[in-house]
C-alpha atoms as a PDB file:
ATOM      1  CA  GLY A   1     -13.485 -40.704 -31.171  1.00  0.00           C
ATOM      2  CA  VAL A   2     -13.069 -38.662 -28.045  1.00  0.00           C
ATOM      3  CA  ASN A   3     -14.911 -35.349 -27.938  1.00  0.00           C
ATOM      4  CA  MET A   4     -12.747 -32.369 -27.149  1.00  0.00           C
ATOM      5  CA  ARG A   5     -14.317 -29.111 -26.044  1.00  0.00           C
ATOM      6  CA  ILE A   6     -12.576 -26.089 -27.533  1.00  0.00           C
ATOM      7  CA  LEU A   7     -13.350 -22.757 -25.910  1.00  0.00           C
ATOM      8  CA  SER A   8     -13.483 -19.975 -28.448  1.00  0.00           C
ATOM      9  CA  GLY A   9     -12.327 -16.408 -27.871  1.00  0.00           C
ATOM     10  CA  LYS A  10     -10.998 -14.953 -24.643  1.00  0.00           C
ATOM     11  CA  GLN A  11     -11.846 -16.714 -21.412  1.00  0.00           C
ATOM     12  CA  ILE A  12     -13.285 -13.963 -19.261  1.00  0.00           C
ATOM     13  CA  ARG A  13     -12.810 -14.559 -15.567  1.00  0.00           C
ATOM     14  CA  PRO A  14     -12.878 -12.278 -12.538  1.00  0.00           C
ATOM     15  CA  ARG A  15      -9.498 -10.634 -11.982  1.00  0.00           C
ATOM     16  CA  ARG A  16      -6.733 -11.512  -9.545  1.00  0.00           C
ATOM     17  CA  ILE A  17      -5.349  -8.106  -8.588  1.00  0.00           C
ATOM     18  CA  LEU A  18      -2.480  -7.066  -6.373  1.00  0.00           C
ATOM     19  CA  LEU A  19      -2.388  -3.422  -5.261  1.00  0.00           C
ATOM     20  CA  TYR A  20       0.669  -2.320  -3.312  1.00  0.00           C
ATOM     21  CA  GLY A  21       1.927   1.051  -2.176  1.00  0.00           C
ATOM     22  CA  PRO A  22       3.202   3.098   0.752  1.00  0.00           C
ATOM     23  CA  HIS A  23       1.403   3.127   4.091  1.00  0.00           C
ATOM     24  CA  GLY A  24      -1.709   5.352   4.177  1.00  0.00           C
ATOM     25  CA  ILE A  25      -1.982   5.922   0.401  1.00  0.00           C
ATOM     26  CA  GLY A  26      -5.589   4.576   0.261  1.00  0.00           C
ATOM     27  CA  LYS A  27      -5.267   0.929  -0.810  1.00  0.00           C
ATOM     28  CA  SER A  28      -8.108  -0.336   1.419  1.00  0.00           C
ATOM     29  CA  THR A  29     -10.410   2.506   0.327  1.00  0.00           C
ATOM     30  CA  TRP A  30      -9.745   1.580  -3.329  1.00  0.00           C
ATOM     31  CA  ALA A  31     -10.580  -2.096  -2.694  1.00  0.00           C
ATOM     32  CA  ALA A  32     -13.671  -1.198  -0.608  1.00  0.00           C
ATOM     33  CA  ALA A  33     -15.226   0.384  -3.728  1.00  0.00           C
ATOM     34  CA  ALA A  34     -15.089  -2.940  -5.650  1.00  0.00           C
ATOM     35  CA  PRO A  35     -18.425  -4.810  -6.031  1.00  0.00           C
ATOM     36  CA  CYS A  36     -19.786  -6.360  -2.772  1.00  0.00           C
ATOM     37  CA  PRO A  37     -16.430  -6.801  -1.024  1.00  0.00           C
ATOM     38  CA  ILE A  38     -15.505  -8.726   2.101  1.00  0.00           C
ATOM     39  CA  PHE A  39     -12.147  -8.050   3.758  1.00  0.00           C
ATOM     40  CA  LEU A  40     -10.175 -10.951   5.180  1.00  0.00           C
ATOM     41  CA  ASN A  41      -8.932  -8.834   8.050  1.00  0.00           C
ATOM     42  CA  ILE A  42      -5.356  -9.843   8.881  1.00  0.00           C
ATOM     43  CA  GLU A  43      -3.702  -6.511   9.578  1.00  0.00           C
ATOM     44  CA  ASP A  44      -6.709  -5.057  11.430  1.00  0.00           C
ATOM     45  CA  GLY A  45      -6.317  -1.755   9.606  1.00  0.00           C
ATOM     46  CA  VAL A  46      -9.878  -1.355   8.270  1.00  0.00           C
ATOM     47  CA  ALA A  47     -11.686  -0.507  11.509  1.00  0.00           C
ATOM     48  CA  ASP A  48     -12.727   2.894  10.125  1.00  0.00           C
ATOM     49  CA  LEU A  49     -14.030   1.499   6.794  1.00  0.00           C
ATOM     50  CA  ALA A  50     -17.725   0.575   6.734  1.00  0.00           C
ATOM     51  CA  VAL A  51     -17.260  -2.682   4.789  1.00  0.00           C
ATOM     52  CA  PRO A  52     -17.994  -6.320   5.660  1.00  0.00           C
ATOM     53  CA  LYS A  53     -14.890  -7.832   7.254  1.00  0.00           C
ATOM     54  CA  THR A  54     -13.952 -10.938   9.167  1.00  0.00           C
ATOM     55  CA  GLU A  55     -12.747 -10.714  12.745  1.00  0.00           C
ATOM     56  CA  GLN A  56      -8.977 -10.383  12.818  1.00  0.00           C
ATOM     57  CA  LEU A  57      -7.407 -13.578  11.454  1.00  0.00           C
ATOM     58  CA  LYS A  58      -4.423 -14.179  13.714  1.00  0.00           C
ATOM     59  CA  GLN A  59      -3.176 -17.536  12.428  1.00  0.00           C
ATOM     60  CA  TYR A  60      -2.584 -19.131   9.028  1.00  0.00           C
ATOM     61  CA  ALA A  61      -5.289 -21.740   9.856  1.00  0.00           C
ATOM     62  CA  ASP A  62      -7.835 -18.919  10.396  1.00  0.00           C
ATOM     63  CA  VAL A  63      -7.157 -17.599   6.876  1.00  0.00           C
ATOM     64  CA  VAL A  64      -7.501 -21.100   5.365  1.00  0.00           C
ATOM     65  CA  SER A  65     -10.808 -21.565   7.270  1.00  0.00           C
ATOM     66  CA  ALA A  66     -12.173 -18.228   6.014  1.00  0.00           C
ATOM     67  CA  VAL A  67     -11.336 -19.090   2.378  1.00  0.00           C
ATOM     68  CA  SER A  68     -12.832 -22.595   2.792  1.00  0.00           C
ATOM     69  CA  TRP A  69     -16.042 -21.129   4.224  1.00  0.00           C
ATOM     70  CA  LEU A  70     -16.346 -18.712   1.291  1.00  0.00           C
ATOM     71  CA  ILE A  71     -15.870 -21.589  -1.188  1.00  0.00           C
ATOM     72  CA  GLN A  72     -18.376 -23.913   0.477  1.00  0.00           C
ATOM     73  CA  ASN A  73     -21.202 -21.550   1.458  1.00  0.00           C
ATOM     74  CA  PRO A  74     -23.483 -19.446  -0.738  1.00  0.00           C
ATOM     75  CA  HIS A  75     -22.926 -15.732  -0.025  1.00  0.00           C
ATOM     76  CA  GLU A  76     -23.432 -12.376  -1.718  1.00  0.00           C
ATOM     77  CA  PHE A  77     -19.759 -11.307  -1.780  1.00  0.00           C
ATOM     78  CA  GLN A  78     -18.348 -10.619  -5.246  1.00  0.00           C
ATOM     79  CA  THR A  79     -14.883  -9.424  -4.198  1.00  0.00           C
ATOM     80  CA  ILE A  80     -12.533 -10.996  -1.651  1.00  0.00           C
ATOM     81  CA  VAL A  81      -9.897  -8.592  -0.299  1.00  0.00           C
ATOM     82  CA  ILE A  82      -6.864  -9.869   1.608  1.00  0.00           C
ATOM     83  CA  ASP A  83      -5.611  -7.054   3.813  1.00  0.00           C
ATOM     84  CA  THR A  84      -2.586  -7.404   3.744  1.00  0.00           C
ATOM     85  CA  ILE A  85      -0.444 -10.130   2.200  1.00  0.00           C
ATOM     86  CA  ASP A  86       2.685  -8.936   4.033  1.00  0.00           C
ATOM     87  CA  TRP A  87       0.883  -9.689   7.313  1.00  0.00           C
ATOM     88  CA  LEU A  88      -0.374 -12.955   5.803  1.00  0.00           C
ATOM     89  CA  GLU A  89       3.229 -13.889   5.000  1.00  0.00           C
ATOM     90  CA  HIS A  90       4.073 -13.243   8.648  1.00  0.00           C
ATOM     91  CA  LEU A  91       1.345 -15.767   9.673  1.00  0.00           C
ATOM     92  CA  ILE A  92       2.654 -18.295   7.124  1.00  0.00           C
ATOM     93  CA  PHE A  93       6.222 -17.963   8.448  1.00  0.00           C
ATOM     94  CA  GLN A  94       4.991 -18.291  12.060  1.00  0.00           C
ATOM     95  CA  GLN A  95       3.141 -21.494  11.155  1.00  0.00           C
ATOM     96  CA  VAL A  96       6.171 -22.952   9.335  1.00  0.00           C
ATOM     97  CA  ALA A  97       8.361 -22.251  12.393  1.00  0.00           C
ATOM     98  CA  ARG A  98       5.756 -23.853  14.694  1.00  0.00           C
ATOM     99  CA  ASP A  99       5.496 -26.928  12.449  1.00  0.00           C
ATOM    100  CA  ALA A 100       9.279 -27.359  12.696  1.00  0.00           C
ATOM    101  CA  SER A 101       9.356 -26.590  16.460  1.00  0.00           C
ATOM    102  CA  LYS A 102      11.628 -23.606  15.822  1.00  0.00           C
ATOM    103  CA  GLY A 103      11.420 -20.057  17.126  1.00  0.00           C
ATOM    104  CA  ASN A 104      11.789 -18.517  13.691  1.00  0.00           C
ATOM    105  CA  ILE A 105      11.566 -19.585  10.038  1.00  0.00           C
ATOM    106  CA  SER A 106      15.205 -18.583   9.506  1.00  0.00           C
ATOM    107  CA  ASP A 107      16.259 -21.130  12.165  1.00  0.00           C
ATOM    108  CA  ILE A 108      15.267 -23.939   9.761  1.00  0.00           C
ATOM    109  CA  GLY A 109      18.432 -24.914   7.854  1.00  0.00           C
ATOM    110  CA  TYR A 110      19.219 -24.973   4.143  1.00  0.00           C
ATOM    111  CA  GLY A 111      16.376 -22.605   3.222  1.00  0.00           C
ATOM    112  CA  LYS A 112      13.898 -25.438   3.906  1.00  0.00           C
ATOM    113  CA  GLY A 113      11.728 -23.070   5.960  1.00  0.00           C
ATOM    114  CA  TYR A 114      11.149 -20.808   2.966  1.00  0.00           C
ATOM    115  CA  ASP A 115      10.398 -23.848   0.776  1.00  0.00           C
ATOM    116  CA  ALA A 116       7.703 -24.859   3.295  1.00  0.00           C
ATOM    117  CA  GLY A 117       6.474 -21.241   3.239  1.00  0.00           C
ATOM    118  CA  ARG A 118       6.102 -21.395  -0.543  1.00  0.00           C
ATOM    119  CA  GLU A 119       4.045 -24.578  -0.217  1.00  0.00           C
ATOM    120  CA  LYS A 120       1.661 -22.820   2.188  1.00  0.00           C
ATOM    121  CA  TRP A 121       1.404 -19.820  -0.173  1.00  0.00           C
ATOM    122  CA  ASP A 122       0.723 -22.198  -3.037  1.00  0.00           C
ATOM    123  CA  PHE A 123      -2.013 -24.002  -1.080  1.00  0.00           C
ATOM    124  CA  LEU A 124      -3.713 -20.701  -0.253  1.00  0.00           C
ATOM    125  CA  LEU A 125      -3.476 -19.311  -3.801  1.00  0.00           C
ATOM    126  CA  ARG A 126      -5.005 -22.554  -5.131  1.00  0.00           C
ATOM    127  CA  GLY A 127      -7.824 -22.089  -2.606  1.00  0.00           C
ATOM    128  CA  LEU A 128      -8.388 -18.518  -3.835  1.00  0.00           C
ATOM    129  CA  ASP A 129      -8.475 -19.817  -7.431  1.00  0.00           C
ATOM    130  CA  GLU A 130     -11.079 -22.381  -6.404  1.00  0.00           C
ATOM    131  CA  LEU A 131     -13.127 -19.621  -4.743  1.00  0.00           C
ATOM    132  CA  ARG A 132     -12.868 -17.506  -7.894  1.00  0.00           C
ATOM    133  CA  LYS A 133     -14.025 -20.438 -10.006  1.00  0.00           C
ATOM    134  CA  GLN A 134     -16.844 -21.665  -7.729  1.00  0.00           C
ATOM    135  CA  ARG A 135     -18.223 -18.263  -6.689  1.00  0.00           C
ATOM    136  CA  ASN A 136     -17.089 -15.999  -9.566  1.00  0.00           C
ATOM    137  CA  THR A 137     -15.345 -13.624  -7.156  1.00  0.00           C
ATOM    138  CA  THR A 138     -12.683 -11.052  -7.909  1.00  0.00           C
ATOM    139  CA  ILE A 139      -9.633 -11.453  -5.655  1.00  0.00           C
ATOM    140  CA  ILE A 140      -7.748  -8.355  -4.466  1.00  0.00           C
ATOM    141  CA  LEU A 141      -4.490  -8.707  -2.557  1.00  0.00           C
ATOM    142  CA  LEU A 142      -3.278  -5.578  -0.751  1.00  0.00           C
ATOM    143  CA  ALA A 143       0.369  -5.098   0.210  1.00  0.00           C
ATOM    144  CA  HIS A 144       2.805  -2.505   1.459  1.00  0.00           C
ATOM    145  CA  ALA A 145       5.709  -1.292  -0.647  1.00  0.00           C
ATOM    146  CA  LYS A 146       9.357  -1.235   0.309  1.00  0.00           C
ATOM    147  CA  ILE A 147      12.324   0.355  -1.423  1.00  0.00           C
ATOM    148  CA  VAL A 148      14.920  -2.142  -2.635  1.00  0.00           C
ATOM    149  CA  LYS A 149      18.256  -1.730  -4.393  1.00  0.00           C
ATOM    150  CA  PHE A 150      17.870  -3.046  -7.937  1.00  0.00           C
ATOM    151  CA  ASP A 151      20.997  -4.293  -9.694  1.00  0.00           C
ATOM    152  CA  ASN A 152      20.318  -3.562 -13.341  1.00  0.00           C
ATOM    153  CA  PRO A 153      22.988  -5.245 -15.510  1.00  0.00           C
ATOM    154  CA  GLU A 154      22.733  -2.382 -18.052  1.00  0.00           C
ATOM    155  CA  THR A 155      23.093   0.562 -15.666  1.00  0.00           C
ATOM    156  CA  ASP A 156      24.305   1.422 -12.191  1.00  0.00           C
ATOM    157  CA  ALA A 157      22.230  -0.059  -9.353  1.00  0.00           C
ATOM    158  CA  TYR A 158      19.270   2.100  -8.336  1.00  0.00           C
ATOM    159  CA  ASP A 159      16.425   2.106  -5.801  1.00  0.00           C
ATOM    160  CA  ARG A 160      12.971   0.929  -6.792  1.00  0.00           C
ATOM    161  CA  TYR A 161       9.674  -0.020  -5.149  1.00  0.00           C
ATOM    162  CA  ASP A 162       8.797  -3.675  -4.640  1.00  0.00           C
ATOM    163  CA  LEU A 163       6.380  -5.670  -2.491  1.00  0.00           C
ATOM    164  CA  ASP A 164       7.210  -5.757   1.195  1.00  0.00           C
ATOM    165  CA  LEU A 165       7.526  -9.549   1.095  1.00  0.00           C
ATOM    166  CA  HIS A 166      10.417 -11.963   1.498  1.00  0.00           C
ATOM    167  CA  LYS A 167      12.052 -12.705  -1.841  1.00  0.00           C
ATOM    168  CA  SER A 168      10.894 -16.345  -1.595  1.00  0.00           C
ATOM    169  CA  SER A 169       7.240 -15.207  -1.840  1.00  0.00           C
ATOM    170  CA  CYS A 170       7.523 -12.188  -4.131  1.00  0.00           C
ATOM    171  CA  GLY A 171       7.750 -13.868  -7.532  1.00  0.00           C
ATOM    172  CA  LEU A 172       5.170 -16.519  -6.664  1.00  0.00           C
ATOM    173  CA  VAL A 173       2.489 -13.981  -5.719  1.00  0.00           C
ATOM    174  CA  GLN A 174       3.217 -11.609  -8.619  1.00  0.00           C
ATOM    175  CA  GLU A 175       3.059 -14.429 -11.128  1.00  0.00           C
ATOM    176  CA  TRP A 176      -0.306 -15.652  -9.783  1.00  0.00           C
ATOM    177  CA  CYS A 177      -1.924 -12.234 -10.275  1.00  0.00           C
ATOM    178  CA  ASP A 178      -3.371 -10.957 -13.556  1.00  0.00           C
ATOM    179  CA  GLU A 179      -2.690  -7.364 -12.537  1.00  0.00           C
ATOM    180  CA  VAL A 180      -0.024  -5.895 -10.256  1.00  0.00           C
ATOM    181  CA  PHE A 181      -0.655  -2.203  -9.528  1.00  0.00           C
ATOM    182  CA  PHE A 182       1.546   0.280  -7.709  1.00  0.00           C
ATOM    183  CA  ALA A 183      -0.309   3.074  -5.874  1.00  0.00           C
ATOM    184  CA  CYS A 184       1.572   6.326  -5.379  1.00  0.00           C
ATOM    185  CA  GLN A 185       1.255  10.054  -4.974  1.00  0.00           C
ATOM    186  CA  ARG A 186       2.213  12.603  -7.619  1.00  0.00           C
ATOM    187  CA  VAL A 187       5.380  14.357  -6.506  1.00  0.00           C
ATOM    188  CA  PHE A 188       7.093  17.293  -8.220  1.00  0.00           C
ATOM    189  CA  VAL A 189      10.648  18.283  -7.437  1.00  0.00           C
ATOM    190  CA  ARG A 190      11.264  21.998  -7.031  1.00  0.00           C
ATOM    191  CA  THR A 191      14.769  23.421  -7.152  1.00  0.00           C
ATOM    192  CA  GLU A 192      15.534  26.239  -4.735  1.00  0.00           C
ATOM    193  CA  GLU A 193      18.515  28.533  -5.127  1.00  0.00           C
ATOM    194  CA  GLN A 194      20.574  28.895  -1.956  1.00  0.00           C
ATOM    195  CA  GLY A 195      23.100  31.458  -3.144  1.00  0.00           C
ATOM    196  CA  PHE A 196      26.815  30.953  -3.982  1.00  0.00           C
ATOM    197  CA  ASN A 197      25.776  28.655  -6.846  1.00  0.00           C
ATOM    198  CA  ARG A 198      24.230  26.142  -4.451  1.00  0.00           C
ATOM    199  CA  GLU A 199      20.744  24.741  -4.808  1.00  0.00           C
ATOM    200  CA  ARG A 200      18.596  22.151  -3.120  1.00  0.00           C
ATOM    201  CA  LYS A 201      15.783  20.015  -4.458  1.00  0.00           C
ATOM    202  CA  ILE A 202      12.480  19.889  -2.541  1.00  0.00           C
ATOM    203  CA  ALA A 203       9.724  17.318  -3.165  1.00  0.00           C
ATOM    204  CA  VAL A 204       6.290  18.894  -3.464  1.00  0.00           C
ATOM    205  CA  GLY A 205       3.149  16.685  -3.348  1.00  0.00           C
ATOM    206  CA  ASN A 206      -0.226  17.765  -4.712  1.00  0.00           C
ATOM    207  CA  ASN A 207      -2.403  14.998  -3.177  1.00  0.00           C
ATOM    208  CA  GLU A 208      -3.032  13.389  -6.570  1.00  0.00           C
ATOM    209  CA  ARG A 209      -2.962   9.638  -5.967  1.00  0.00           C
ATOM    210  CA  TYR A 210      -2.704   7.305  -8.911  1.00  0.00           C
ATOM    211  CA  ILE A 211      -1.902   3.748  -9.976  1.00  0.00           C
ATOM    212  CA  ARG A 212       0.930   2.598 -12.207  1.00  0.00           C
ATOM    213  CA  THR A 213      -0.221  -0.379 -14.279  1.00  0.00           C
ATOM    214  CA  THR A 214       2.988  -1.154 -16.172  1.00  0.00           C
ATOM    215  CA  GLU A 215       6.556  -1.675 -15.049  1.00  0.00           C
ATOM    216  CA  THR A 216       8.820   1.365 -14.786  1.00  0.00           C
ATOM    217  CA  PRO A 217      12.392   1.615 -13.510  1.00  0.00           C
ATOM    218  CA  ALA A 218      10.872   2.932 -10.251  1.00  0.00           C
ATOM    219  CA  ALA A 219       8.289   0.187  -9.583  1.00  0.00           C
ATOM    220  CA  ILE A 220       7.166  -3.363 -10.399  1.00  0.00           C
ATOM    221  CA  ALA A 221       3.750  -3.497 -12.147  1.00  0.00           C
ATOM    222  CA  LYS A 222       1.924  -5.442 -14.879  1.00  0.00           C
ATOM    223  CA  ASN A 223      -1.507  -5.891 -16.439  1.00  0.00           C
ATOM    224  CA  ARG A 224      -3.225  -8.129 -18.992  1.00  0.00           C
ATOM    225  CA  LEU A 225      -5.952  -5.667 -19.992  1.00  0.00           C
ATOM    226  CA  GLN A 226      -4.033  -3.199 -22.196  1.00  0.00           C
ATOM    227  CA  LEU A 227      -4.581  -0.497 -19.577  1.00  0.00           C
ATOM    228  CA  PRO A 228      -3.170   3.023 -19.822  1.00  0.00           C
ATOM    229  CA  ALA A 229       0.186   3.299 -18.004  1.00  0.00           C
ATOM    230  CA  GLU A 230      -1.480   5.334 -15.245  1.00  0.00           C
ATOM    231  CA  LEU A 231      -4.978   5.409 -13.739  1.00  0.00           C
ATOM    232  CA  PRO A 232      -6.463   7.510 -10.936  1.00  0.00           C
ATOM    233  CA  LEU A 233      -6.488   5.653  -7.583  1.00  0.00           C
ATOM    234  CA  ASP A 234     -10.215   5.096  -7.923  1.00  0.00           C
ATOM    235  CA  TRP A 235     -11.940   1.742  -8.506  1.00  0.00           C
ATOM    236  CA  ALA A 236     -14.430   3.276 -10.974  1.00  0.00           C
ATOM    237  CA  ALA A 237     -11.566   4.485 -13.204  1.00  0.00           C
ATOM    238  CA  PHE A 238     -10.227   0.895 -13.377  1.00  0.00           C
ATOM    239  CA  ALA A 239     -13.671  -0.753 -13.665  1.00  0.00           C
ATOM    240  CA  LYS A 240     -14.268   0.949 -17.039  1.00  0.00           C
ATOM    241  CA  PHE A 241     -11.619  -1.355 -18.535  1.00  0.00           C
ATOM    242  CA  LEU A 242     -12.960  -4.607 -17.059  1.00  0.00           C
ATOM    243  CA  PRO A 243     -14.381  -7.128 -19.518  1.00  0.00           C
ATOM    244  CA  VAL A 244     -18.031  -7.992 -18.933  1.00  0.00           C
ATOM    245  CA  ILE A 245     -18.324 -11.539 -17.622  1.00  0.00           C
ATOM    246  CA  PRO A 246     -21.047 -13.395 -19.542  1.00  0.00           C
ATOM    247  CA  ALA A 247     -23.493 -15.662 -17.689  1.00  0.00           C
ATOM    248  CA  ASN A 248     -22.141 -18.684 -19.581  1.00  0.00           C
ATOM    249  CA  VAL A 249     -18.953 -19.121 -21.575  1.00  0.00           C
ATOM    250  CA  SER A 250     -19.556 -20.425 -25.079  1.00  0.00           C
ATOM    251  CA  GLY A 251     -17.449 -23.127 -26.630  1.00  0.00           C
ATOM    252  CA  VAL A 252     -17.531 -25.530 -29.545  1.00  0.00           C
ATOM    253  CA  VAL A 253     -17.251 -29.294 -29.453  1.00  0.00           C
ATOM    254  CA  VAL A 254     -14.851 -30.824 -31.942  1.00  0.00           C
ATOM    255  CA  ASN A 255     -15.711 -34.274 -33.379  1.00  0.00           C
ATOM    256  CA  GLY A 256     -19.226 -33.934 -32.038  1.00  0.00           C
ATOM    257  CA  SER A 257     -22.417 -32.588 -33.480  1.00  0.00           C
ATOM    258  CA  SER A 258     -23.207 -29.983 -30.847  1.00  0.00           C
ATOM    259  CA  LYS A 259     -22.015 -26.405 -31.074  1.00  0.00           C
ATOM    260  CA  GLN A 260     -22.734 -24.126 -28.161  1.00  0.00           C
END
């Protein structure tokens, strides 16, 4: 009969992580502390970080070339950081518009532009998966956050944080990732009396930056590692929870004599 290889236990692979948050919170600094990183420099916001980075990638084709090079050539990088995917989306949309000889993706009728955008996203994410498989690299996607109105069927609509991406890309990217983390700053609200029974609420920050690892009404997040709901915004704090990747994955062969 045909031999079928059954892999036993958890398949431990490098992570696909998305970290998003407000501008200036420290996303790039967090990713720079991952093992042997290289930044695919799209936004050109890491000039002051002493990490290996590509020259600024100004077109979708440049990003595809960089990923292809990293797949095909031996290198010492263990973490690939895309900085940022909202700027990458901008390059994808530019390319789609160019392909259709239009000025803008929204000029392409019937939502076909965004369908073509999804295909380009899909192609790139498959390339990153190939890179992860061939070179055993962790993939970190960085993104900005935006505040969106969320229509919850069970309550009144409320504001929440989401990725600063077009809705056609949002679900696709989140689904591809193993972890989606929201980076934020601890804020306390102080109430101040103003006399005549009036008061005002003042937000007070204390510089504590942290990551949310699970979904809350305020922000999208997820993880597949049973992480605590919050972690300090510090790679080492997250790294403690990472499974150790063995040199070879063991499996058993069914209908055959060999067991590995």
